Every structure is written in C-alpha cells, then in structure tokens.
C-alpha cells in the first residue's frame, strides 16, 4: 500500500491493525515478514507484545499520537522494543510495561543494543533487585562496549514522539552511536534515559518527570543534549566516569534532588542551562576537571547553586547565576586552579561564594551582594586570587578570610551596608590586600597583628598611599586605631 502523505511520504509499507483488516495483527509479525528499508504503519490500538527489531525499518503509528497507540510488554521482564539493527525509526508509540527484574538484564521500554553478539548471552533468571540489576547492566554494558571486541554497534536510529512509561529503563542506549532522540516523554520509569558507552548521540526536546532518575550517562563522548526538561526525577542529569566532551545546552532541571551531577568526568560543557529549585544542588561537580560552565542559572536550590567538590580542578565558571540558595557557589576540598569570572551570587541564605580547603583559584569580576552570611568566604584556603569583584550589602562580612594564609586580594571590591568587612583574622598571614573599595562599613579592615601587606585600599573615598611597607603599616594604624582597640567580634 501507499503510506498517506505527511506520515511517511511515498513509502511502500506494511500495515498492522490489532482488529484485522490490515496486513498483520501484530508488530512482530510485520517485522518478521519485512525486509530492510520497509515502513511498518501501525493503526491505533493496544499491542501486547515484545518486539525484536533486527533489520533497518521505520515503525510508526498511523495517528502519530502515542496516547492511542500502545505497545504493552507481554513479558514484563523483557524489552518492549529490542533493537539490534541500525537505521531504525520508532515514532508515535506509548511504550510501557517492561517493569519486572526477573532476568539478568533490566528490561527497557526501548533498547538500542549495540553489543557484539559475543555479549548477548541468553538471559537467565536472577534474584530481583532494581539497584543490583541496574548496576550489573551498567558495568557489564560499559565493559563490554568499551573493552570487548564489539561489532559495528547500533547507529543512526531515530526515536521521536514516544511516550515511555512504567519501565525499569525507559530508553537505553548501549554501545549505540549517532542516534537521535527527540520529543519523547518519559514518566514513572526507574531511569528515564540511560546512555552507556555511547557516542555522538543527539538528545533534543525530550522531557522526563516522576522517574527515579532522569538522563544518566556512564561512558560516552561527543553527545549533545539540548532543550531537554527533567523534573521530579531524583537526579536530573547524571554523568559518571569515562564521560567526556559532552555538551549540554538550554536544558532545564527543576525540582529534582540534584539538577546536574557530574562525577569523574571531564571536558563537559554546560551552557545556558537552568538548574533551579532542586532539593540539594543545582550543578554538582565531584572529582571532575577541565569542564566549562557558562551562563547557567542555578537559583533557589536548597543547599548549593553550584558546588565543586573533591579534587575538581581547572574548571571554568563564567557568567553563571547562583542566587537564593543556601550557598551560591561552593569550592571544597582540593578543588584547585578553577576560574570564576563574571558570576552572580546574590541573596543566598548563607554565603555568596564560599571556598573551603582549596587553593590556586581565581575569582574575578564576580558579584556577591545581599547574602545573609558573607559575600565571599575563604576558609582554610591558600594562594587564591580575588580581583575586581563587587561585594555589597551582605549581612556579615564582605570578604572574610578565616584562617586562610597566603591570599592575594589585589582587587577593586565595592562593599556597601553590611555589618562588618573583616578581611584578616589571627593566623591569616602573608596576604596582600590592595586596591579595595570599602564603603559604608562599621569596620573596614581588622588585621589583628597579622603580617600582611595592606596598601592602596579606599575607605570612605580616602586612599592609603603606596609607600614602603613599614610606612604603610604606620599610616594604616593611624586610620584604624579605634577598630583595633574595640572588642573583637567572635568569628562564626
């Protein structure tokens, strides 16, 4: 027959109707009797089956509406669509019911299986356990995909306009490259979309809500994620080890536990994403290096807007907004040599920018205003450079070094209307504090006898002179005698 225009133009195809009157009454029958390049047109109805697709086919619903064309797993421990061929299109279906853990591999709504035949051993029944099964699948899949003698894989498939629900893994790509997933909706799955050892795929315009996990990746390079929306799904986007050179652009992660969680990954680019209103952190990097975060929004998260943790090195954070969180931007525990430029961290319930046990970072031209704690807070952190930041109207201190040695603060910092601006505490030695603007503060600089280089700072439109160090100290003491004699404010 001829497929109607607008469905699959001028393509000769095979029809399926559960009620009869078409070529076949099941999708699997149509697949079995098709040849590569055929189009299978499926009429509205409910098809209770597990479909194995082993040739290049286009399988589409006639209505284009996944609400009225349902493919329900006959065996809930098996995949609804199991694709072992390339150049396959699946479009317009409600794919559901692969939700039993009775076999060694977790069942999927749609499974792009690029493993070598060597790794497709018969599946045996094992004990139930979602976490155990998912971990087993991921580890076995990645090791097989990356280290095994794989065949050509599955590539150039298109999954579009499908509704994926009530499966263990909604859509799973394993050793599957150059595929396109667009405008799919995933809900009430354990994990909505999972990529393992899969490269150069495009995910665009997909949405996932009310899943245990949103979009997960374990291994994979050069994938592009754009305009996807993840909500109420545990972690929105998760990138685990061996994931690199992936790009996330204009995605949204709202109302999850974590918006983006990146661990052991590198050369990831996040640009213009919205990671707000999550229960923990908007964007979290753990042991991840050489990543770029630019122009992202990470507001209204319960703990951190952006958090770099545990040996996250050489990352660039530029022009991001991290406001109305508990802490706006946090660098912690040997997260070193990172560059923070032009970020905004305002109105957080604690600190705007917080560095703890880290060194070698550069903070330049950031804004940290109207935070309920400190604007910029450095704790036990060394050799950091603060330059040309604006820090105003914070409830506690503008920039607070708590005992943080060897800081360089050659900056133009504008501070307004917060209670104290205490740059220097006891044990905060070998700091350079120059070129700062300190206006409207109850206290400007409190050195507490520390051996620091303090010069050319601006106090109420007056400037300390650039003169040799002993003379500079004398000049500064004349200006802050009252502050030094006043009772000291206990550190928080």
Protein backbone atom coordinates (compact mmCIF):
# COMPACT_ATOMS: atom_id res chain seq x y z
CA UNK A 1 0.00 0.00 0.00
CA UNK A 2 0.99 3.69 -0.22
CA UNK A 3 1.56 5.48 3.08
CA UNK A 4 -0.53 8.68 3.29
CA UNK A 5 1.32 11.95 2.76
CA UNK A 6 2.57 13.50 5.99
CA UNK A 7 3.15 10.10 7.65
CA UNK A 8 5.95 8.63 5.55
CA UNK A 9 5.79 10.28 2.17
CA UNK A 10 5.53 7.99 -0.84
CA UNK A 11 6.93 4.99 1.02
CA UNK A 12 5.67 1.49 0.28
CA UNK A 13 4.90 -0.13 3.61
CA UNK A 14 3.28 -2.83 5.70
CA UNK A 15 0.21 -2.21 7.85
CA UNK A 16 -0.66 -3.53 11.29
CA UNK A 17 -4.11 -3.43 12.93
CA UNK A 18 -4.94 -5.44 16.04
CA UNK A 19 -8.56 -5.62 14.85
CA UNK A 20 -7.76 -7.12 11.47
CA UNK A 21 -8.24 -5.62 8.04
CA UNK A 22 -4.50 -4.87 7.65
CA UNK A 23 -1.50 -6.93 6.58
CA UNK A 24 -0.84 -8.20 10.10
CA UNK A 25 -2.37 -8.05 13.57
CA UNK A 26 0.93 -7.76 15.50
CA UNK A 27 4.01 -5.61 15.09
CA UNK A 28 6.35 -8.59 15.49
CA UNK A 29 4.63 -10.43 12.62
CA UNK A 30 5.15 -7.37 10.44
CA UNK A 31 8.83 -7.18 11.40
CA UNK A 32 9.32 -10.89 10.70
CA UNK A 33 7.83 -10.57 7.19
CA UNK A 34 9.51 -7.27 6.29
CA UNK A 35 12.77 -6.54 4.54
CA UNK A 36 15.31 -3.84 5.30
CA UNK A 37 14.08 -0.40 4.28
CA UNK A 38 10.38 -1.17 4.75
CA UNK A 39 7.97 1.05 6.67
CA UNK A 40 5.54 -0.50 9.13
CA UNK A 41 2.44 1.60 9.77
CA UNK A 42 0.62 0.70 13.00
CA UNK A 43 -3.05 1.58 13.46
CA UNK A 44 -4.38 2.80 16.79
CA UNK A 45 -4.87 0.13 19.46
CA UNK A 46 -3.12 -1.76 22.22
CA UNK A 47 -0.48 -4.29 21.18
CA UNK A 48 0.62 -6.66 23.91
CA UNK A 49 3.98 -7.96 22.73
CA UNK A 50 7.75 -7.71 22.94
CA UNK A 51 9.16 -6.63 19.59
CA UNK A 52 12.64 -7.62 18.36
CA UNK A 53 13.84 -5.40 15.54
CA UNK A 54 16.81 -6.88 13.68
CA UNK A 55 16.69 -5.04 10.36
CA UNK A 56 16.53 -1.45 9.09
CA UNK A 57 12.88 -0.44 9.46
CA UNK A 58 10.65 2.55 10.05
CA UNK A 59 7.94 1.67 12.59
CA UNK A 60 5.44 4.49 13.13
CA UNK A 61 1.93 4.92 14.46
CA UNK A 62 -0.67 5.92 11.91
CA UNK A 63 -2.19 8.58 14.16
CA UNK A 64 1.15 9.97 15.31
CA UNK A 65 -0.40 10.12 18.77
CA UNK A 66 1.25 7.90 21.41
CA UNK A 67 -1.85 8.14 23.60
CA UNK A 68 -3.86 5.90 21.29
CA UNK A 69 -1.19 3.51 20.00
CA UNK A 70 0.12 1.49 22.93
CA UNK A 71 2.75 -1.24 22.93
CA UNK A 72 2.49 -3.11 26.23
CA UNK A 73 5.13 -5.69 27.20
CA UNK A 74 3.72 -9.22 27.03
CA UNK A 75 6.66 -10.34 29.16
CA UNK A 76 7.37 -7.56 31.68
CA UNK A 77 10.90 -8.88 32.23
CA UNK A 78 11.76 -8.37 28.54
CA UNK A 79 12.28 -5.22 26.47
CA UNK A 80 9.25 -3.79 24.69
CA UNK A 81 11.34 -2.80 21.64
CA UNK A 82 14.74 -4.53 21.40
CA UNK A 83 16.72 -3.06 18.50
CA UNK A 84 19.87 -4.80 17.25
CA UNK A 85 19.89 -3.12 13.81
CA UNK A 86 20.92 0.34 12.71
CA UNK A 87 18.83 2.92 10.83
CA UNK A 88 15.64 2.07 12.72
CA UNK A 89 12.93 4.63 13.44
CA UNK A 90 10.39 4.21 16.24
CA UNK A 91 7.84 7.02 16.45
CA UNK A 92 4.44 7.76 17.91
CA UNK A 93 4.02 4.97 20.48
CA UNK A 94 3.17 4.62 24.15
CA UNK A 95 5.83 2.11 25.24
CA UNK A 96 5.12 0.60 28.63
CA UNK A 97 5.26 -2.36 30.99
CA UNK A 98 8.89 -3.57 30.97
CA UNK A 99 9.00 -3.40 34.73
CA UNK A 100 9.97 -6.81 36.14
CA UNK A 101 13.51 -7.61 37.30
CA UNK A 102 13.33 -11.36 36.80
CA UNK A 103 16.18 -11.55 34.28
CA UNK A 104 19.87 -10.72 34.44
CA UNK A 105 19.46 -7.52 32.42
CA UNK A 106 16.99 -4.85 33.38
CA UNK A 107 14.11 -4.59 30.89
CA UNK A 108 13.75 -1.44 28.81
CA UNK A 109 10.97 0.33 27.02
CA UNK A 110 13.25 0.83 24.02
CA UNK A 111 16.70 -0.79 24.00
CA UNK A 112 19.30 0.12 21.38
CA UNK A 113 21.58 -2.87 21.82
CA UNK A 114 24.90 -2.28 20.10
CA UNK A 115 26.74 -5.05 21.92
CA UNK A 116 28.59 -7.65 19.96
CA UNK A 117 26.80 -10.96 19.57
CA UNK A 118 29.55 -12.29 21.82
CA UNK A 119 27.98 -10.42 24.71
CA UNK A 120 24.36 -11.30 24.00
CA UNK A 121 24.34 -14.44 26.11
CA UNK A 122 20.95 -15.95 26.95
CA UNK A 123 19.37 -14.16 29.86
CA UNK A 124 18.89 -16.22 32.99
CA UNK A 125 16.59 -15.61 35.91
CA UNK A 126 18.28 -13.98 38.87
CA UNK A 127 17.16 -12.56 42.18
CA UNK A 128 15.11 -9.42 41.98
CA UNK A 129 16.67 -6.09 42.91
CA UNK A 130 16.46 -2.88 40.94
CA UNK A 131 19.71 -1.40 42.15
CA UNK A 132 21.64 -4.64 41.73
CA UNK A 133 20.22 -5.16 38.27
CA UNK A 134 20.92 -1.62 37.09
CA UNK A 135 24.48 -1.74 38.43
CA UNK A 136 25.06 -5.09 36.78
CA UNK A 137 23.74 -3.86 33.48
CA UNK A 138 25.77 -0.68 33.51
CA UNK A 139 29.04 -2.32 34.50
CA UNK A 140 28.64 -5.23 32.13
CA UNK A 141 27.49 -2.97 29.31
CA UNK A 142 30.26 -0.43 29.64
CA UNK A 143 32.98 -3.01 29.99
CA UNK A 144 31.63 -4.94 27.07
CA UNK A 145 31.14 -1.85 24.95
CA UNK A 146 34.50 -0.28 25.72
CA UNK A 147 36.78 -3.25 26.15
CA UNK A 148 35.13 -6.09 24.29
CA UNK A 149 35.56 -6.97 20.64
CA UNK A 150 32.34 -5.24 19.70
CA UNK A 151 30.68 -5.41 16.32
CA UNK A 152 29.65 -2.30 14.40
CA UNK A 153 27.10 -1.38 17.08
CA UNK A 154 23.72 0.24 16.58
CA UNK A 155 23.75 3.65 14.93
CA UNK A 156 21.67 6.22 13.07
CA UNK A 157 18.41 5.28 14.76
CA UNK A 158 15.64 7.80 15.44
CA UNK A 159 13.34 7.70 18.45
CA UNK A 160 10.81 10.51 18.36
CA UNK A 161 7.45 11.47 19.80
CA UNK A 162 7.14 8.40 22.01
CA UNK A 163 5.66 8.18 25.49
CA UNK A 164 7.81 5.94 27.67
CA UNK A 165 6.26 4.90 30.99
CA UNK A 166 6.36 2.29 33.72
CA UNK A 167 9.60 0.59 32.65
CA UNK A 168 12.77 -0.12 34.60
CA UNK A 169 14.87 1.68 31.97
CA UNK A 170 12.80 3.88 29.71
CA UNK A 171 15.23 4.24 26.79
CA UNK A 172 18.64 2.55 26.99
CA UNK A 173 21.49 3.10 24.53
CA UNK A 174 24.38 0.66 24.91
CA UNK A 175 27.33 0.96 22.55
CA UNK A 176 24.97 2.87 20.28
CA UNK A 177 26.33 5.85 18.34
CA UNK A 178 24.99 8.69 16.18
CA UNK A 179 21.36 8.21 17.16
CA UNK A 180 18.70 10.90 17.60
CA UNK A 181 16.21 11.04 20.47
CA UNK A 182 13.74 13.89 20.15
CA UNK A 183 10.45 14.96 21.71
CA UNK A 184 9.99 11.81 23.75
CA UNK A 185 8.23 11.91 27.12
CA UNK A 186 9.29 9.60 29.95
CA UNK A 187 7.48 9.17 33.26
CA UNK A 188 7.29 6.67 36.10
CA UNK A 189 10.36 4.73 34.97
CA UNK A 190 13.24 3.79 37.22
CA UNK A 191 15.62 5.68 34.90
CA UNK A 192 14.13 7.68 32.04
CA UNK A 193 17.05 7.65 29.54
CA UNK A 194 20.35 5.83 30.00
CA UNK A 195 23.44 6.01 27.79
CA UNK A 196 26.32 3.57 28.31
CA UNK A 197 29.49 3.65 26.18
CA UNK A 198 27.52 5.52 23.51
CA UNK A 199 28.98 8.36 21.46
CA UNK A 200 27.84 11.23 19.25
CA UNK A 201 24.14 10.95 20.01
CA UNK A 202 21.73 13.90 19.99
CA UNK A 203 19.03 14.25 22.63
CA UNK A 204 16.77 17.21 21.95
CA UNK A 205 13.42 18.32 23.30
CA UNK A 206 12.81 15.26 25.49
CA UNK A 207 11.02 15.56 28.83
CA UNK A 208 11.13 13.34 31.88
CA UNK A 209 9.16 13.65 35.10
CA UNK A 210 8.39 11.50 38.12
CA UNK A 211 11.18 9.00 37.45
CA UNK A 212 13.73 7.73 39.97
CA UNK A 213 16.43 9.15 37.68
CA UNK A 214 16.35 11.43 34.65
CA UNK A 215 19.08 11.25 31.98
CA UNK A 216 22.06 9.11 33.05
CA UNK A 217 25.35 8.56 31.23
CA UNK A 218 28.10 6.08 32.04
CA UNK A 219 30.84 6.41 29.46
CA UNK A 220 30.35 8.21 26.17
CA UNK A 221 31.82 11.15 24.29
CA UNK A 222 30.64 13.88 21.94
CA UNK A 223 26.96 13.61 22.84
CA UNK A 224 24.78 16.72 22.57
CA UNK A 225 21.88 17.45 24.93
CA UNK A 226 19.65 20.43 24.18
CA UNK A 227 16.23 21.70 25.24
CA UNK A 228 15.51 18.67 27.41
CA UNK A 229 13.45 19.14 30.58
CA UNK A 230 13.83 16.93 33.65
CA UNK A 231 11.70 17.36 36.77
CA UNK A 232 10.82 15.39 39.90
CA UNK A 233 13.26 12.65 38.90
CA UNK A 234 15.88 12.12 41.60
CA UNK A 235 18.99 13.40 39.85
CA UNK A 236 18.09 15.24 36.66
CA UNK A 237 21.27 14.72 34.60
CA UNK A 238 23.94 12.31 35.87
CA UNK A 239 27.34 11.88 34.18
CA UNK A 240 29.57 9.20 35.63
CA UNK A 241 33.14 8.15 34.97
CA UNK A 242 34.55 8.00 31.43
CA UNK A 243 32.07 10.56 30.14
CA UNK A 244 33.86 13.39 28.34
CA UNK A 245 33.45 16.03 25.65
CA UNK A 246 29.68 16.18 26.01
CA UNK A 247 27.67 19.38 25.56
CA UNK A 248 24.55 20.44 27.50
CA UNK A 249 22.82 23.48 26.07
CA UNK A 250 19.50 25.07 27.10
CA UNK A 251 18.34 22.15 29.25
CA UNK A 252 16.14 22.51 32.31
CA UNK A 253 16.45 20.53 35.56
CA UNK A 254 13.85 21.60 38.12
CA UNK A 255 12.54 20.11 41.35
CA UNK A 256 14.91 17.12 41.42
CA UNK A 257 17.27 16.08 44.21
CA UNK A 258 20.19 17.38 42.11
CA UNK A 259 19.89 19.17 38.79
CA UNK A 260 23.23 18.17 37.20
CA UNK A 261 25.52 15.68 38.95
CA UNK A 262 28.88 15.23 37.21
CA UNK A 263 31.37 12.79 38.74
CA UNK A 264 34.75 11.77 37.37
CA UNK A 265 34.03 13.44 34.03
CA UNK A 266 35.99 15.99 32.04
CA UNK A 267 35.65 18.43 29.17
CA UNK A 268 31.91 18.77 29.76
CA UNK A 269 30.31 22.00 28.56
CA UNK A 270 27.20 23.33 30.29
CA UNK A 271 25.86 26.50 28.72
CA UNK A 272 22.55 28.32 29.23
CA UNK A 273 21.02 25.55 31.35
CA UNK A 274 18.52 26.13 34.16
CA UNK A 275 19.23 24.06 37.28
CA UNK A 276 16.94 25.65 39.83
CA UNK A 277 14.59 24.71 42.67
CA UNK A 278 16.28 21.37 43.33
CA UNK A 279 16.25 19.80 46.77
CA UNK A 280 20.05 19.59 47.06
CA UNK A 281 22.29 21.23 44.43
CA UNK A 282 21.73 22.82 41.05
CA UNK A 283 25.06 21.86 39.45
CA UNK A 284 27.42 19.50 41.28
CA UNK A 285 30.91 18.53 40.10
CA UNK A 286 32.77 15.83 42.00
CA UNK A 287 36.33 14.84 41.05
CA UNK A 288 35.72 16.43 37.65
CA UNK A 289 38.22 18.58 35.77
CA UNK A 290 38.56 20.80 32.73
CA UNK A 291 34.84 21.49 32.45
CA UNK A 292 33.16 24.71 31.32
CA UNK A 293 30.06 26.16 32.97
CA UNK A 294 28.81 29.30 31.27
CA UNK A 295 25.65 31.38 31.60
CA UNK A 296 23.78 28.75 33.60
CA UNK A 297 21.10 29.58 36.14
CA UNK A 298 21.28 27.77 39.49
CA UNK A 299 18.81 29.56 41.76
CA UNK A 300 16.54 28.55 44.64
CA UNK A 301 18.26 25.24 45.37
CA UNK A 302 18.05 24.11 48.97
CA UNK A 303 21.82 23.75 49.52
CA UNK A 304 24.16 24.89 46.76
CA UNK A 305 23.66 26.63 43.46
CA UNK A 306 26.97 25.36 42.04
CA UNK A 307 29.21 23.02 44.05
CA UNK A 308 32.72 21.89 43.04
CA UNK A 309 33.87 19.11 45.35
CA UNK A 310 36.78 16.76 45.96
CA UNK A 311 39.63 17.36 43.53
CA UNK A 312 37.65 19.21 40.86
CA UNK A 313 40.41 21.07 39.03
CA UNK A 314 40.82 23.53 36.18
CA UNK A 315 37.13 24.21 35.68
CA UNK A 316 35.87 27.50 34.24
CA UNK A 317 32.75 29.10 35.69
CA UNK A 318 31.71 32.15 33.70
CA UNK A 319 28.63 34.38 33.87
CA UNK A 320 26.56 31.93 35.87
CA UNK A 321 23.83 33.00 38.31
CA UNK A 322 23.64 31.24 41.69
CA UNK A 323 21.21 33.20 43.84
CA UNK A 324 18.70 32.48 46.59
CA UNK A 325 20.33 29.18 47.56
CA UNK A 326 21.84 28.33 50.94
CA UNK A 327 25.32 28.92 49.44
CA UNK A 328 25.64 30.32 45.94
CA UNK A 329 28.95 28.87 44.67
CA UNK A 330 30.98 26.44 46.77
CA UNK A 331 34.52 25.16 46.09
CA UNK A 332 35.56 22.46 48.53
CA UNK A 333 38.39 20.08 49.38
CA UNK A 334 41.27 20.46 46.94
CA UNK A 335 39.12 21.86 44.14
CA UNK A 336 42.00 23.87 42.77
CA UNK A 337 43.01 26.14 39.88
CA UNK A 338 39.45 26.94 38.94
CA UNK A 339 38.48 30.22 37.29
CA UNK A 340 35.34 32.08 38.41
CA UNK A 341 34.60 35.10 36.23
CA UNK A 342 31.53 37.30 35.99
CA UNK A 343 29.30 35.10 38.14
CA UNK A 344 26.45 36.45 40.26
CA UNK A 345 25.80 35.01 43.73
CA UNK A 346 23.24 37.23 45.44
CA UNK A 347 20.59 36.83 48.12
CA UNK A 348 21.76 33.45 49.38
CA UNK A 349 20.75 32.49 52.92
CA UNK A 350 24.40 31.92 53.90
CA UNK A 351 27.32 32.83 51.64
CA UNK A 352 27.61 34.10 48.10
CA UNK A 353 30.90 32.43 47.14
CA UNK A 354 32.49 30.00 49.62
CA UNK A 355 35.96 28.43 49.32
CA UNK A 356 36.88 25.78 51.89
CA UNK A 357 40.18 23.85 51.93
CA UNK A 358 41.16 24.80 48.41
CA UNK A 359 43.83 26.86 46.69
CA UNK A 360 45.00 28.38 43.46
CA UNK A 361 41.59 29.62 42.35
CA UNK A 362 40.96 32.94 40.62
CA UNK A 363 37.84 34.99 41.36
CA UNK A 364 37.47 37.96 39.05
CA UNK A 365 34.61 40.39 38.37
CA UNK A 366 32.07 38.35 40.32
CA UNK A 367 29.14 39.90 42.18
CA UNK A 368 28.18 38.67 45.65
CA UNK A 369 25.59 41.04 47.10
CA UNK A 370 22.90 40.94 49.78
CA UNK A 371 23.76 37.50 51.13
CA UNK A 372 22.69 36.67 54.65
CA UNK A 373 26.20 35.46 55.54
CA UNK A 374 29.45 36.54 53.90
CA UNK A 375 29.78 37.83 50.35
CA UNK A 376 32.98 35.88 49.64
CA UNK A 377 34.15 33.49 52.37
CA UNK A 378 37.55 31.79 52.31
CA UNK A 379 38.18 29.16 54.97
CA UNK A 380 41.49 27.29 55.30
CA UNK A 381 42.22 28.17 51.67
CA UNK A 382 45.52 29.38 50.23
CA UNK A 383 47.02 31.12 47.20
CA UNK A 384 43.66 32.26 45.81
CA UNK A 385 43.42 35.50 43.82
CA UNK A 386 40.44 37.85 44.10
CA UNK A 387 40.32 40.60 41.52
CA UNK A 388 37.72 43.25 40.70
CA UNK A 389 34.81 41.61 42.49
CA UNK A 390 31.76 43.54 43.71
CA UNK A 391 30.68 42.57 47.22
CA UNK A 392 27.97 44.68 48.82
CA UNK A 393 25.15 44.70 51.35
CA UNK A 394 25.92 41.32 52.90
CA UNK A 395 24.71 40.68 56.46
CA UNK A 396 28.11 39.57 57.76
CA UNK A 397 31.45 40.32 56.08
CA UNK A 398 32.15 41.31 52.52
CA UNK A 399 35.27 39.17 52.13
CA UNK A 400 36.18 37.00 55.09
CA UNK A 401 39.46 35.10 55.39
CA UNK A 402 39.15 32.60 58.21
CA UNK A 403 42.34 31.39 58.87
CA UNK A 404 43.40 31.43 55.23
CA UNK A 405 47.06 32.08 54.59
CA UNK A 406 48.88 33.43 51.55
CA UNK A 407 45.85 35.00 49.86
CA UNK A 408 46.25 37.58 47.12
CA UNK A 409 43.46 40.15 47.07
CA UNK A 410 44.68 42.71 44.54
CA UNK A 411 41.18 43.83 43.79
CA UNK A 412 38.68 46.60 43.35
CA UNK A 413 35.96 45.39 45.64
CA UNK A 414 32.96 47.58 46.34
CA UNK A 415 31.23 46.82 49.64
CA UNK A 416 28.12 48.53 50.96
CA UNK A 417 25.94 48.40 54.04
CA UNK A 418 26.91 45.07 55.60
CA UNK A 419 27.76 44.87 59.26
CA UNK A 420 31.48 44.12 59.07
CA UNK A 421 34.15 43.75 56.40
CA UNK A 422 36.79 41.64 58.17
CA UNK A 423 39.44 40.65 55.68
CA UNK A 424 42.04 39.44 58.14
CA UNK A 425 41.85 37.37 61.31
CA UNK A 426 44.54 35.87 63.51
CA UNK A 427 46.59 33.26 61.60
CA UNK A 428 45.67 34.87 58.28
CA UNK A 429 49.20 35.85 57.32
CA UNK A 430 51.09 36.71 54.16
CA UNK A 431 48.08 38.25 52.47
CA UNK A 432 48.16 41.14 50.06
CA UNK A 433 45.19 43.48 50.34
CA UNK A 434 45.29 46.36 47.91
CA UNK A 435 43.09 48.40 45.62
CA UNK A 436 39.88 47.55 47.50
CA UNK A 437 36.91 49.87 47.93
CA UNK A 438 35.43 49.60 51.43
CA UNK A 439 32.50 51.95 51.85
CA UNK A 440 29.71 52.14 54.36
CA UNK A 441 31.09 49.51 56.73
CA UNK A 442 31.08 49.53 60.52
CA UNK A 443 34.60 48.13 60.35
CA UNK A 444 36.82 48.27 57.32
CA UNK A 445 39.92 46.08 57.82
CA UNK A 446 40.80 44.21 61.01
CA UNK A 447 44.34 42.82 60.84
CA UNK A 448 44.79 41.64 64.43
CA UNK A 449 48.56 41.98 64.20
CA UNK A 450 48.90 39.61 61.24
CA UNK A 451 51.87 40.03 58.91
CA UNK A 452 50.11 41.10 55.75
CA UNK A 453 50.78 43.60 53.02
CA UNK A 454 47.96 46.15 53.15
CA UNK A 455 48.02 49.17 50.88
CA UNK A 456 46.10 51.36 48.47
CA UNK A 457 42.68 50.49 49.84
CA UNK A 458 39.89 53.06 49.72
CA UNK A 459 37.96 53.98 52.89
CA UNK A 460 35.09 56.42 52.51
CA UNK A 461 36.67 57.99 49.43
CA UNK A 462 40.10 58.21 51.08
CA UNK A 463 43.07 56.23 49.86
CA UNK A 464 46.09 54.76 51.62
CA UNK A 465 49.33 55.65 49.86
CA UNK A 466 51.54 53.23 48.01
CA UNK A 467 54.65 53.61 50.17
CA UNK A 468 57.19 51.13 51.58
CA UNK A 469 55.68 48.51 53.83
CA UNK A 470 56.70 49.89 57.31
CA UNK A 471 55.40 53.35 56.43
CA UNK A 472 52.20 51.86 55.02
CA UNK A 473 51.59 49.99 58.26
CA UNK A 474 52.02 53.20 60.29
CA UNK A 475 49.59 55.05 58.08
CA UNK A 476 47.00 52.29 58.29
CA UNK A 477 47.29 52.01 62.09
CA UNK A 478 46.58 55.72 62.41
CA UNK A 479 43.36 55.17 60.50
CA UNK A 480 42.16 52.03 62.27
CA UNK A 481 43.34 52.63 65.86
CA UNK A 482 39.80 52.71 67.14
CA UNK A 483 38.97 49.45 65.39
CA UNK A 484 41.96 47.65 66.87
CA UNK A 485 41.12 48.82 70.41
CA UNK A 486 37.45 47.88 70.11
CA UNK A 487 36.24 44.49 71.43
CA UNK A 488 36.67 41.84 68.76
CA UNK A 489 33.67 40.24 67.14
CA UNK A 490 33.76 36.43 67.54
CA UNK A 491 34.13 34.57 64.22
CA UNK A 492 31.23 32.41 63.12
